[in-house]
Amino acid sequence: MSTDLHAMVIDEINRANLSKVLGELFFALEYRGMPVRPQYSNLPISIPENLLFIGTMNTADRSIASFDAALRRRFHFVECDPTQPPFDGLLRRYFAREGLAAMNWLADLLVLANERVPDPKFSIGPSHFMRSNITLENAKRVWKHSVWPYLTSRFDAEAIADLHWDNLYAATVGAVAGDAPTSTRADLNWDDRNVLEVGTAGGTPATTEDEVGGSDVDELNV
């Protein structure tokens, strides 16, 4: 039998109907390397040791509440915090690789923003800004239409007052004349919403979590 590692990656696993995605493998996961007899078949199946199941999910996503105990028992959870290794500094490394050293201030702005986020569980991932055409204007638009609505949906206005784009930019680079104040989603008209450039995590979001809007992503390993 081959000893090469193989992997099945399930993106946003907390949104999936896992009984359909995994089927009888869900049962076999609990007895890795051992033959088990499925409920609807007389043919035994087994999951070899060199087959990994990796699921990504964003813990800031409310759908994680439906993640049941049976699934938690079958997976090991690995936190992927954008402020901790190996993800800290990822945006600066991306800019270096893409020849965008002039945008390093944006990496510093993101570090400052995550220091100011009231709850570290809702840190902002770098994938929002990992695009080869990133500019000051693009970054402001992503913040206005993606990051800021994400923050306002989870914190009250007073708690995130110092996370407005203007405040962060002034603290990182210095105020620029003519910078428009950051708006909440309620301030947008429909024309604005039609030109959203929403980053994903990695997030969140994520490797994702990019989406990862997010963004920030947790990784499940078996």
Protein backbone atom coordinates (compact mmCIF):
# COMPACT_ATOMS: atom_id res chain seq x y z
CA MET A 1 0.00 0.00 0.00
CA SER A 2 1.27 3.48 -0.86
CA THR A 3 2.52 5.59 2.04
CA ASP A 4 2.15 8.88 0.15
CA LEU A 5 -0.18 11.29 1.90
CA HIS A 6 -3.47 12.15 0.22
CA ALA A 7 -6.02 14.72 1.33
CA MET A 8 -9.66 15.56 0.81
CA VAL A 9 -10.29 19.25 1.49
CA ILE A 10 -13.81 20.38 2.40
CA ASP A 11 -14.08 24.17 2.28
CA GLU A 12 -16.46 25.78 4.80
CA ILE A 13 -17.21 22.42 6.32
CA ASN A 14 -19.64 23.92 8.83
CA ARG A 15 -21.94 24.91 5.94
CA ALA A 16 -21.95 21.46 4.35
CA ASN A 17 -24.50 18.69 4.68
CA LEU A 18 -21.89 16.23 5.92
CA SER A 19 -24.17 13.22 5.82
CA LYS A 20 -24.21 13.72 2.05
CA VAL A 21 -20.59 14.85 1.69
CA LEU A 22 -19.09 11.96 3.66
CA GLY A 23 -21.86 9.37 3.60
CA GLU A 24 -20.70 6.12 5.22
CA LEU A 25 -17.21 7.58 5.59
CA PHE A 26 -18.57 9.55 8.52
CA PHE A 27 -18.97 6.26 10.38
CA ALA A 28 -15.63 4.90 9.18
CA LEU A 29 -13.80 8.04 10.37
CA GLU A 30 -14.19 6.87 13.95
CA TYR A 31 -12.44 3.57 13.19
CA ARG A 32 -9.62 4.69 10.91
CA GLY A 33 -7.55 1.80 9.57
CA MET A 34 -10.14 -0.77 10.63
CA PRO A 35 -12.74 -2.37 8.33
CA VAL A 36 -16.30 -1.40 9.22
CA ARG A 37 -19.54 -2.66 7.74
CA PRO A 38 -21.80 0.16 6.47
CA GLN A 39 -25.45 0.18 7.42
CA TYR A 40 -26.67 -0.34 3.86
CA SER A 41 -24.00 -2.67 2.47
CA ASN A 42 -22.39 -6.00 3.25
CA LEU A 43 -19.04 -4.84 1.86
CA PRO A 44 -16.66 -3.58 4.57
CA ILE A 45 -14.90 -0.25 4.06
CA SER A 46 -11.93 1.35 5.78
CA ILE A 47 -10.09 4.67 5.68
CA PRO A 48 -6.32 4.25 5.33
CA GLU A 49 -3.93 6.07 7.62
CA ASN A 50 -2.46 8.12 4.76
CA LEU A 51 -5.76 9.72 3.76
CA LEU A 52 -6.40 13.06 5.48
CA PHE A 53 -9.68 14.93 5.69
CA ILE A 54 -9.13 18.67 6.09
CA GLY A 55 -12.05 21.03 6.61
CA THR A 56 -11.90 24.80 6.76
CA MET A 57 -14.35 27.00 8.58
CA ASN A 58 -14.68 30.49 9.96
CA THR A 59 -15.42 30.46 13.67
CA ALA A 60 -16.92 33.96 13.36
CA ASP A 61 -19.66 32.43 11.21
CA ARG A 62 -22.88 31.89 13.16
CA SER A 63 -23.51 28.61 11.33
CA ILE A 64 -20.80 27.00 13.49
CA ALA A 65 -23.43 26.69 16.21
CA SER A 66 -24.88 23.71 14.34
CA PHE A 67 -21.56 21.87 14.40
CA ASP A 68 -22.57 18.81 16.40
CA ALA A 69 -20.64 16.79 18.96
CA ALA A 70 -20.39 13.72 16.71
CA LEU A 71 -18.38 15.67 14.17
CA ARG A 72 -16.24 17.39 16.79
CA ARG A 73 -15.31 13.95 18.13
CA ARG A 74 -13.94 12.87 14.76
CA PHE A 75 -11.73 15.90 14.05
CA HIS A 76 -8.82 17.65 15.68
CA PHE A 77 -9.20 21.43 15.70
CA VAL A 78 -6.29 23.65 14.71
CA GLU A 79 -6.75 27.37 15.21
CA CYS A 80 -5.59 29.62 12.37
CA ASP A 81 -5.27 33.04 13.97
CA PRO A 82 -4.21 35.78 11.51
CA THR A 83 -2.23 37.44 14.29
CA GLN A 84 -0.18 34.33 15.12
CA PRO A 85 2.42 32.25 13.19
CA PRO A 86 2.44 31.23 10.43
CA PHE A 87 -0.21 33.74 9.35
CA ASP A 88 1.14 36.87 11.01
CA GLY A 89 3.15 38.83 8.46
CA LEU A 90 1.47 36.97 5.59
CA LEU A 91 0.25 40.15 3.90
CA ARG A 92 3.73 41.71 4.00
CA ARG A 93 5.23 38.54 2.53
CA TYR A 94 2.59 38.57 -0.20
CA PHE A 95 3.44 42.17 -1.09
CA ALA A 96 7.15 41.27 -1.25
CA ARG A 97 6.45 38.36 -3.59
CA GLU A 98 4.21 40.46 -5.85
CA GLY A 99 6.57 43.45 -5.98
CA LEU A 100 4.17 45.62 -3.96
CA ALA A 101 6.55 46.81 -1.26
CA ALA A 102 5.00 50.28 -1.53
CA MET A 103 1.85 48.80 0.06
CA ASN A 104 3.62 47.58 3.21
CA TRP A 105 1.86 50.34 5.12
CA LEU A 106 -1.37 48.37 4.57
CA ALA A 107 0.14 45.36 6.35
CA ASP A 108 1.00 47.66 9.27
CA LEU A 109 -2.55 49.05 9.22
CA LEU A 110 -3.97 45.52 9.44
CA VAL A 111 -1.75 44.72 12.42
CA LEU A 112 -2.97 47.87 14.18
CA ALA A 113 -6.59 47.08 13.35
CA ASN A 114 -6.33 43.61 14.88
CA GLU A 115 -4.80 45.09 18.01
CA ARG A 116 -7.90 47.27 18.30
CA VAL A 117 -10.55 44.63 17.52
CA PRO A 118 -12.48 44.15 20.79
CA ASP A 119 -12.51 40.36 20.57
CA PRO A 120 -9.50 38.48 19.07
CA LYS A 121 -11.88 35.78 17.80
CA PHE A 122 -13.02 38.32 15.21
CA SER A 123 -9.59 39.31 13.93
CA ILE A 124 -9.41 40.52 10.33
CA GLY A 125 -7.64 38.18 7.91
CA PRO A 126 -5.15 39.30 5.25
CA SER A 127 -6.97 37.72 2.32
CA HIS A 128 -9.17 40.81 1.98
CA PHE A 129 -6.14 42.62 0.59
CA MET A 130 -4.20 39.84 -1.17
CA ARG A 131 -4.81 40.96 -4.73
CA SER A 132 -2.24 41.98 -7.30
CA ASN A 133 -4.08 45.20 -8.21
CA ILE A 134 -4.33 46.51 -4.64
CA THR A 135 -4.06 50.28 -4.29
CA LEU A 136 -4.97 52.84 -1.65
CA GLU A 137 -8.38 53.35 -3.26
CA ASN A 138 -9.01 49.60 -3.56
CA ALA A 139 -8.01 49.07 0.06
CA LYS A 140 -10.38 51.82 1.24
CA ARG A 141 -13.21 50.29 -0.81
CA VAL A 142 -12.62 46.81 0.62
CA TRP A 143 -12.59 48.25 4.13
CA LYS A 144 -15.79 50.21 3.53
CA HIS A 145 -17.79 47.45 1.84
CA SER A 146 -16.40 44.26 3.40
CA VAL A 147 -14.44 44.74 6.62
CA TRP A 148 -16.50 47.52 8.16
CA PRO A 149 -19.90 45.79 7.71
CA TYR A 150 -18.34 42.65 9.19
CA LEU A 151 -17.28 44.61 12.28
CA THR A 152 -20.56 46.52 12.68
CA SER A 153 -22.51 43.25 12.58
CA ARG A 154 -20.65 42.04 15.67
CA PHE A 155 -19.80 45.10 17.77
CA ASP A 156 -21.58 48.31 18.72
CA ALA A 157 -20.38 51.58 17.24
CA GLU A 158 -18.64 52.79 20.38
CA ALA A 159 -16.52 49.65 20.69
CA ILE A 160 -15.10 50.01 17.16
CA ALA A 161 -14.89 53.79 16.85
CA ASP A 162 -11.11 53.62 16.45
CA LEU A 163 -11.45 51.05 13.66
CA HIS A 164 -12.74 53.55 11.12
CA TRP A 165 -10.48 53.62 8.07
CA ASP A 166 -9.54 57.28 8.60
CA ASN A 167 -8.43 56.64 12.18
CA LEU A 168 -6.34 53.62 11.23
CA TYR A 169 -4.80 55.30 8.18
CA ALA A 170 -3.89 58.42 10.15
CA ALA A 171 -2.27 56.31 12.88
CA THR A 172 -0.33 54.23 10.35
CA VAL A 173 0.60 56.64 7.56
CA GLY A 174 -0.80 60.06 8.42
CA ALA A 175 -3.98 61.89 7.43
CA VAL A 176 -4.48 62.56 3.73
CA ALA A 177 -6.51 65.57 2.64
CA GLY A 178 -9.77 64.63 1.01
CA ASP A 179 -10.06 61.16 2.51
CA ALA A 180 -13.74 60.29 2.71
CA PRO A 181 -15.06 59.04 6.06
CA THR A 182 -15.81 55.34 6.26
CA SER A 183 -19.52 54.50 6.01
CA THR A 184 -21.55 51.69 7.47
CA ARG A 185 -23.59 49.40 5.24
CA ALA A 186 -26.71 51.37 6.13
CA ASP A 187 -25.16 54.45 4.49
CA LEU A 188 -24.64 52.75 1.12
CA ASN A 189 -26.93 53.22 -1.82
CA TRP A 190 -27.59 50.44 -4.29
CA ASP A 191 -25.04 51.75 -6.78
CA ASP A 192 -22.38 51.44 -4.07
CA ARG A 193 -23.42 47.88 -3.29
CA ASN A 194 -23.11 46.86 -6.92
CA VAL A 195 -19.38 47.62 -6.94
CA LEU A 196 -18.39 45.79 -3.79
CA GLU A 197 -14.96 44.19 -3.88
CA VAL A 198 -15.33 41.79 -1.03
CA GLY A 199 -12.27 39.84 0.04
CA THR A 200 -12.63 36.27 1.18
CA ALA A 201 -11.27 34.79 4.14
CA GLY A 202 -9.71 33.22 4.81
CA GLY A 203 -11.29 35.33 5.28
CA THR A 204 -12.60 34.91 5.70
CA PRO A 205 -12.00 34.86 5.48
CA ALA A 206 -9.30 32.36 5.06
CA THR A 207 -7.12 30.32 4.19
CA THR A 208 -8.88 30.96 4.04
CA GLU A 209 -11.93 31.88 7.26
CA ASP A 210 -11.14 33.70 4.08
CA GLU A 211 -13.00 34.31 3.22
CA VAL A 212 -12.06 33.60 4.32
CA GLY A 213 -14.94 37.81 4.24
CA GLY A 214 -13.00 36.23 6.01
CA SER A 215 -11.51 35.73 6.21
CA ASP A 216 -9.85 34.11 9.40
CA VAL A 217 -10.15 30.43 9.15
CA ASP A 218 -9.89 27.47 11.48
CA GLU A 219 -8.52 24.22 10.05
CA LEU A 220 -9.76 20.76 10.95
CA ASN A 221 -7.33 17.87 10.74
CA VAL A 222 -7.79 14.17 11.08
